[in-house]
């Protein structure tokens, strides 16, 4: 993993932070056994996820618990891609969202994250999308491709917008 030191470092930092918080806030007796092996597995998963599609065809298929290796696909030439997501810790609970803008070479253009306070997961997805679209408008991205993981939000936005439907004012702006 010598050539992937940045990934290993990021994964190590992330999991040390998560384990520290678990110990401080949830379980004072928590101790991660075999941390190095765990981190190596997690880093390998991330490295595989960012592998070129041609290399992914030769990866072993996972089964049993629904894990799927994915990768990012660039937008069409001269377009910008917005990857956006929103989530809540319950439905409703505290929520947040964020997004990333990249060009067709995969180069980072910008990103955002936002605290959405107390709302449902659907509203979090919609508000994160709206924030991303507003930033795209401000950045004058005339050719924008959007990816998100909520088919329900895509269906809401593509369907007719009724004045009495839930999230009407958010959908109307999207």
C-alpha atoms as a PDB file:
ATOM      1  CA  UNK A   1       0.000   0.000   0.000  1.00  0.00           C
ATOM      2  CA  UNK A   2       3.008   2.276  -0.354  1.00  0.00           C
ATOM      3  CA  UNK A   3       1.572   4.243  -3.287  1.00  0.00           C
ATOM      4  CA  UNK A   4      -1.717   4.757  -1.419  1.00  0.00           C
ATOM      5  CA  UNK A   5      -0.278   6.355   1.701  1.00  0.00           C
ATOM      6  CA  UNK A   6      -2.755   9.276   1.571  1.00  0.00           C
ATOM      7  CA  UNK A   7      -5.696   6.885   1.701  1.00  0.00           C
ATOM      8  CA  UNK A   8      -4.204   4.811   4.522  1.00  0.00           C
ATOM      9  CA  UNK A   9      -3.461   7.984   6.496  1.00  0.00           C
ATOM     10  CA  UNK A  10      -6.998   9.333   5.999  1.00  0.00           C
ATOM     11  CA  UNK A  11      -8.609   6.012   6.970  1.00  0.00           C
ATOM     12  CA  UNK A  12      -6.392   5.709  10.038  1.00  0.00           C
ATOM     13  CA  UNK A  13      -7.201   9.241  11.171  1.00  0.00           C
ATOM     14  CA  UNK A  14     -10.930   8.721  10.621  1.00  0.00           C
ATOM     15  CA  UNK A  15     -11.128   5.474  12.575  1.00  0.00           C
ATOM     16  CA  UNK A  16      -8.957   6.755  15.426  1.00  0.00           C
ATOM     17  CA  UNK A  17     -11.320   9.713  15.730  1.00  0.00           C
ATOM     18  CA  UNK A  18     -14.403   7.481  15.674  1.00  0.00           C
ATOM     19  CA  UNK A  19     -12.936   5.083  18.271  1.00  0.00           C
ATOM     20  CA  UNK A  20     -11.886   7.977  20.509  1.00  0.00           C
ATOM     21  CA  UNK A  21     -15.404   9.446  20.399  1.00  0.00           C
ATOM     22  CA  UNK A  22     -16.971   6.052  21.090  1.00  0.00           C
ATOM     23  CA  UNK A  23     -14.739   5.661  24.129  1.00  0.00           C
ATOM     24  CA  UNK A  24     -15.372   9.220  25.384  1.00  0.00           C
ATOM     25  CA  UNK A  25     -19.104   9.468  24.758  1.00  0.00           C
ATOM     26  CA  UNK A  26     -20.537   5.954  24.607  1.00  0.00           C
ATOM     27  CA  UNK A  27     -18.410   3.243  26.198  1.00  0.00           C
ATOM     28  CA  UNK A  28     -15.437   4.126  28.446  1.00  0.00           C
ATOM     29  CA  UNK A  29     -14.292   0.482  28.280  1.00  0.00           C
ATOM     30  CA  UNK A  30     -14.240   0.354  24.455  1.00  0.00           C
ATOM     31  CA  UNK A  31     -11.014  -0.919  22.933  1.00  0.00           C
ATOM     32  CA  UNK A  32     -10.612  -1.760  19.250  1.00  0.00           C
ATOM     33  CA  UNK A  33      -8.860  -5.099  18.977  1.00  0.00           C
ATOM     34  CA  UNK A  34      -6.647  -5.668  15.932  1.00  0.00           C
ATOM     35  CA  UNK A  35      -6.928  -2.042  14.834  1.00  0.00           C
ATOM     36  CA  UNK A  36      -4.120  -2.283  12.244  1.00  0.00           C
ATOM     37  CA  UNK A  37      -5.760  -5.200  10.423  1.00  0.00           C
ATOM     38  CA  UNK A  38      -9.146  -3.443  10.501  1.00  0.00           C
ATOM     39  CA  UNK A  39      -7.665  -0.225   9.069  1.00  0.00           C
ATOM     40  CA  UNK A  40      -5.860  -2.146   6.323  1.00  0.00           C
ATOM     41  CA  UNK A  41      -9.153  -3.781   5.261  1.00  0.00           C
ATOM     42  CA  UNK A  42     -10.987  -0.434   5.258  1.00  0.00           C
ATOM     43  CA  UNK A  43      -8.227   1.268   3.254  1.00  0.00           C
ATOM     44  CA  UNK A  44      -8.221  -1.585   0.725  1.00  0.00           C
ATOM     45  CA  UNK A  45     -11.991  -1.176   0.239  1.00  0.00           C
ATOM     46  CA  UNK A  46     -11.576   2.518  -0.499  1.00  0.00           C
ATOM     47  CA  UNK A  47      -8.642   1.961  -2.840  1.00  0.00           C
ATOM     48  CA  UNK A  48     -10.694  -0.629  -4.755  1.00  0.00           C
ATOM     49  CA  UNK A  49     -13.665   1.729  -4.946  1.00  0.00           C
ATOM     50  CA  UNK A  50     -11.475   4.344  -6.642  1.00  0.00           C
ATOM     51  CA  UNK A  51      -9.886   1.833  -9.005  1.00  0.00           C
ATOM     52  CA  UNK A  52     -10.485   2.301 -12.708  1.00  0.00           C
ATOM     53  CA  UNK A  53     -13.643   0.560 -13.982  1.00  0.00           C
ATOM     54  CA  UNK A  54     -11.575  -1.854 -16.108  1.00  0.00           C
ATOM     55  CA  UNK A  55      -9.728  -2.981 -12.973  1.00  0.00           C
ATOM     56  CA  UNK A  56     -12.976  -3.392 -11.022  1.00  0.00           C
ATOM     57  CA  UNK A  57     -14.255  -6.039 -13.423  1.00  0.00           C
ATOM     58  CA  UNK A  58     -11.561  -8.377 -12.099  1.00  0.00           C
ATOM     59  CA  UNK A  59     -12.301  -7.766  -8.418  1.00  0.00           C
ATOM     60  CA  UNK A  60     -13.886 -10.647  -6.522  1.00  0.00           C
ATOM     61  CA  UNK A  61     -17.663 -10.421  -6.233  1.00  0.00           C
ATOM     62  CA  UNK A  62     -18.951  -9.809  -2.715  1.00  0.00           C
ATOM     63  CA  UNK A  63     -21.943 -11.691  -1.441  1.00  0.00           C
ATOM     64  CA  UNK A  64     -23.886 -12.228   1.716  1.00  0.00           C
ATOM     65  CA  UNK A  65     -24.475  -8.726   2.992  1.00  0.00           C
ATOM     66  CA  UNK A  66     -25.133  -6.570  -0.044  1.00  0.00           C
ATOM     67  CA  UNK A  67     -21.836  -4.703  -0.258  1.00  0.00           C
ATOM     68  CA  UNK A  68     -21.170  -3.347  -3.735  1.00  0.00           C
ATOM     69  CA  UNK A  69     -17.981  -1.711  -4.952  1.00  0.00           C
ATOM     70  CA  UNK A  70     -18.714   1.582  -6.704  1.00  0.00           C
ATOM     71  CA  UNK A  71     -16.691   4.245  -8.437  1.00  0.00           C
ATOM     72  CA  UNK A  72     -17.159   7.825  -9.536  1.00  0.00           C
ATOM     73  CA  UNK A  73     -17.802   8.490 -13.219  1.00  0.00           C
ATOM     74  CA  UNK A  74     -16.840  11.878 -14.637  1.00  0.00           C
ATOM     75  CA  UNK A  75     -19.421  14.057 -16.377  1.00  0.00           C
ATOM     76  CA  UNK A  76     -19.450  14.696 -20.100  1.00  0.00           C
ATOM     77  CA  UNK A  77     -16.588  16.867 -21.395  1.00  0.00           C
ATOM     78  CA  UNK A  78     -16.958  20.548 -20.408  1.00  0.00           C
ATOM     79  CA  UNK A  79     -19.639  19.714 -17.844  1.00  0.00           C
ATOM     80  CA  UNK A  80     -19.497  19.884 -14.046  1.00  0.00           C
ATOM     81  CA  UNK A  81     -20.766  17.110 -11.796  1.00  0.00           C
ATOM     82  CA  UNK A  82     -22.427  17.738  -8.444  1.00  0.00           C
ATOM     83  CA  UNK A  83     -22.523  14.760  -6.089  1.00  0.00           C
ATOM     84  CA  UNK A  84     -24.912  15.634  -3.265  1.00  0.00           C
ATOM     85  CA  UNK A  85     -26.347  13.874  -0.222  1.00  0.00           C
ATOM     86  CA  UNK A  86     -28.427  14.646   2.825  1.00  0.00           C
ATOM     87  CA  UNK A  87     -29.098  12.505   5.873  1.00  0.00           C
ATOM     88  CA  UNK A  88     -30.672  12.540   9.310  1.00  0.00           C
ATOM     89  CA  UNK A  89     -29.886  10.502  12.424  1.00  0.00           C
ATOM     90  CA  UNK A  90     -33.560   9.515  12.640  1.00  0.00           C
ATOM     91  CA  UNK A  91     -36.739  10.460  10.901  1.00  0.00           C
ATOM     92  CA  UNK A  92     -36.951  13.267  11.901  1.00  0.00           C
ATOM     93  CA  UNK A  93     -33.788  14.017  13.872  1.00  0.00           C
ATOM     94  CA  UNK A  94     -30.679  16.144  13.523  1.00  0.00           C
ATOM     95  CA  UNK A  95     -29.665  16.327   9.879  1.00  0.00           C
ATOM     96  CA  UNK A  96     -26.961  17.535   7.579  1.00  0.00           C
ATOM     97  CA  UNK A  97     -26.014  17.566   3.951  1.00  0.00           C
ATOM     98  CA  UNK A  98     -23.188  18.225   1.585  1.00  0.00           C
ATOM     99  CA  UNK A  99     -21.941  18.085  -1.926  1.00  0.00           C
ATOM    100  CA  UNK A 100     -18.896  18.110  -4.166  1.00  0.00           C
ATOM    101  CA  UNK A 101     -18.356  19.812  -7.531  1.00  0.00           C
ATOM    102  CA  UNK A 102     -15.839  18.252  -9.949  1.00  0.00           C
ATOM    103  CA  UNK A 103     -15.002  18.858 -13.573  1.00  0.00           C
ATOM    104  CA  UNK A 104     -14.839  16.239 -16.335  1.00  0.00           C
ATOM    105  CA  UNK A 105     -11.226  15.455 -15.417  1.00  0.00           C
ATOM    106  CA  UNK A 106     -12.299  14.683 -11.859  1.00  0.00           C
ATOM    107  CA  UNK A 107     -10.625  17.852 -10.582  1.00  0.00           C
ATOM    108  CA  UNK A 108     -12.132  19.269  -7.394  1.00  0.00           C
ATOM    109  CA  UNK A 109     -13.906  22.581  -8.065  1.00  0.00           C
ATOM    110  CA  UNK A 110     -15.537  23.038  -4.671  1.00  0.00           C
ATOM    111  CA  UNK A 111     -17.706  21.531  -2.031  1.00  0.00           C
ATOM    112  CA  UNK A 112     -20.047  22.348   0.808  1.00  0.00           C
ATOM    113  CA  UNK A 113     -21.549  20.930   3.953  1.00  0.00           C
ATOM    114  CA  UNK A 114     -24.488  22.232   5.926  1.00  0.00           C
ATOM    115  CA  UNK A 115     -26.183  21.672   9.257  1.00  0.00           C
ATOM    116  CA  UNK A 116     -29.901  21.250   8.599  1.00  0.00           C
ATOM    117  CA  UNK A 117     -30.976  21.090  12.239  1.00  0.00           C
ATOM    118  CA  UNK A 118     -34.006  18.887  12.947  1.00  0.00           C
ATOM    119  CA  UNK A 119     -35.722  17.439   9.873  1.00  0.00           C
ATOM    120  CA  UNK A 120     -36.622  14.229   8.043  1.00  0.00           C
ATOM    121  CA  UNK A 121     -34.221  12.402   5.771  1.00  0.00           C
ATOM    122  CA  UNK A 122     -36.300  13.376   2.714  1.00  0.00           C
ATOM    123  CA  UNK A 123     -36.163  17.057   3.631  1.00  0.00           C
ATOM    124  CA  UNK A 124     -32.404  16.753   4.298  1.00  0.00           C
ATOM    125  CA  UNK A 125     -31.877  15.292   0.807  1.00  0.00           C
ATOM    126  CA  UNK A 126     -33.962  18.072  -0.757  1.00  0.00           C
ATOM    127  CA  UNK A 127     -32.265  20.884   1.170  1.00  0.00           C
ATOM    128  CA  UNK A 128     -28.786  19.565   0.338  1.00  0.00           C
ATOM    129  CA  UNK A 129     -29.754  19.385  -3.344  1.00  0.00           C
ATOM    130  CA  UNK A 130     -31.185  22.918  -3.240  1.00  0.00           C
ATOM    131  CA  UNK A 131     -27.993  24.243  -1.609  1.00  0.00           C
ATOM    132  CA  UNK A 132     -25.901  22.544  -4.309  1.00  0.00           C
ATOM    133  CA  UNK A 133     -28.062  23.928  -7.112  1.00  0.00           C
ATOM    134  CA  UNK A 134     -27.875  27.440  -5.664  1.00  0.00           C
ATOM    135  CA  UNK A 135     -24.080  27.219  -5.456  1.00  0.00           C
ATOM    136  CA  UNK A 136     -23.953  25.920  -9.038  1.00  0.00           C
ATOM    137  CA  UNK A 137     -26.044  28.898 -10.133  1.00  0.00           C
ATOM    138  CA  UNK A 138     -23.748  31.306  -8.257  1.00  0.00           C
ATOM    139  CA  UNK A 139     -20.703  29.589  -9.796  1.00  0.00           C
ATOM    140  CA  UNK A 140     -22.320  29.996 -13.215  1.00  0.00           C
ATOM    141  CA  UNK A 141     -22.091  26.309 -14.065  1.00  0.00           C
ATOM    142  CA  UNK A 142     -24.264  26.273 -17.179  1.00  0.00           C
ATOM    143  CA  UNK A 143     -23.686  22.559 -17.784  1.00  0.00           C
ATOM    144  CA  UNK A 144     -24.368  20.651 -14.578  1.00  0.00           C
ATOM    145  CA  UNK A 145     -24.849  16.936 -14.025  1.00  0.00           C
ATOM    146  CA  UNK A 146     -26.274  15.961 -10.618  1.00  0.00           C
ATOM    147  CA  UNK A 147     -25.858  12.631  -8.829  1.00  0.00           C
ATOM    148  CA  UNK A 148     -27.591  11.701  -5.597  1.00  0.00           C
ATOM    149  CA  UNK A 149     -28.628   8.481  -3.897  1.00  0.00           C
ATOM    150  CA  UNK A 150     -32.290   9.312  -3.269  1.00  0.00           C
ATOM    151  CA  UNK A 151     -34.580   8.039  -6.010  1.00  0.00           C
ATOM    152  CA  UNK A 152     -37.536   9.386  -4.009  1.00  0.00           C
ATOM    153  CA  UNK A 153     -36.179  12.943  -4.309  1.00  0.00           C
ATOM    154  CA  UNK A 154     -35.513  12.503  -8.031  1.00  0.00           C
ATOM    155  CA  UNK A 155     -39.115  11.305  -8.479  1.00  0.00           C
ATOM    156  CA  UNK A 156     -40.463  14.301  -6.511  1.00  0.00           C
ATOM    157  CA  UNK A 157     -38.515  16.797  -8.586  1.00  0.00           C
ATOM    158  CA  UNK A 158     -39.335  15.207 -11.930  1.00  0.00           C
ATOM    159  CA  UNK A 159     -43.052  14.886 -11.124  1.00  0.00           C
ATOM    160  CA  UNK A 160     -45.676  17.610 -11.028  1.00  0.00           C
ATOM    161  CA  UNK A 161     -45.328  20.060  -8.123  1.00  0.00           C
ATOM    162  CA  UNK A 162     -48.656  20.494  -6.327  1.00  0.00           C
ATOM    163  CA  UNK A 163     -49.251  23.474  -4.022  1.00  0.00           C
ATOM    164  CA  UNK A 164     -50.437  21.231  -1.185  1.00  0.00           C
ATOM    165  CA  UNK A 165     -47.764  18.534  -1.375  1.00  0.00           C
ATOM    166  CA  UNK A 166     -45.060  18.065   1.236  1.00  0.00           C
ATOM    167  CA  UNK A 167     -41.927  20.134   0.649  1.00  0.00           C
ATOM    168  CA  UNK A 168     -43.717  22.152  -2.073  1.00  0.00           C
ATOM    169  CA  UNK A 169     -41.597  25.275  -1.535  1.00  0.00           C
ATOM    170  CA  UNK A 170     -38.310  23.362  -1.670  1.00  0.00           C
ATOM    171  CA  UNK A 171     -39.283  21.337  -4.752  1.00  0.00           C
ATOM    172  CA  UNK A 172     -40.468  24.482  -6.514  1.00  0.00           C
ATOM    173  CA  UNK A 173     -37.007  26.045  -6.106  1.00  0.00           C
ATOM    174  CA  UNK A 174     -35.179  22.955  -7.345  1.00  0.00           C
END
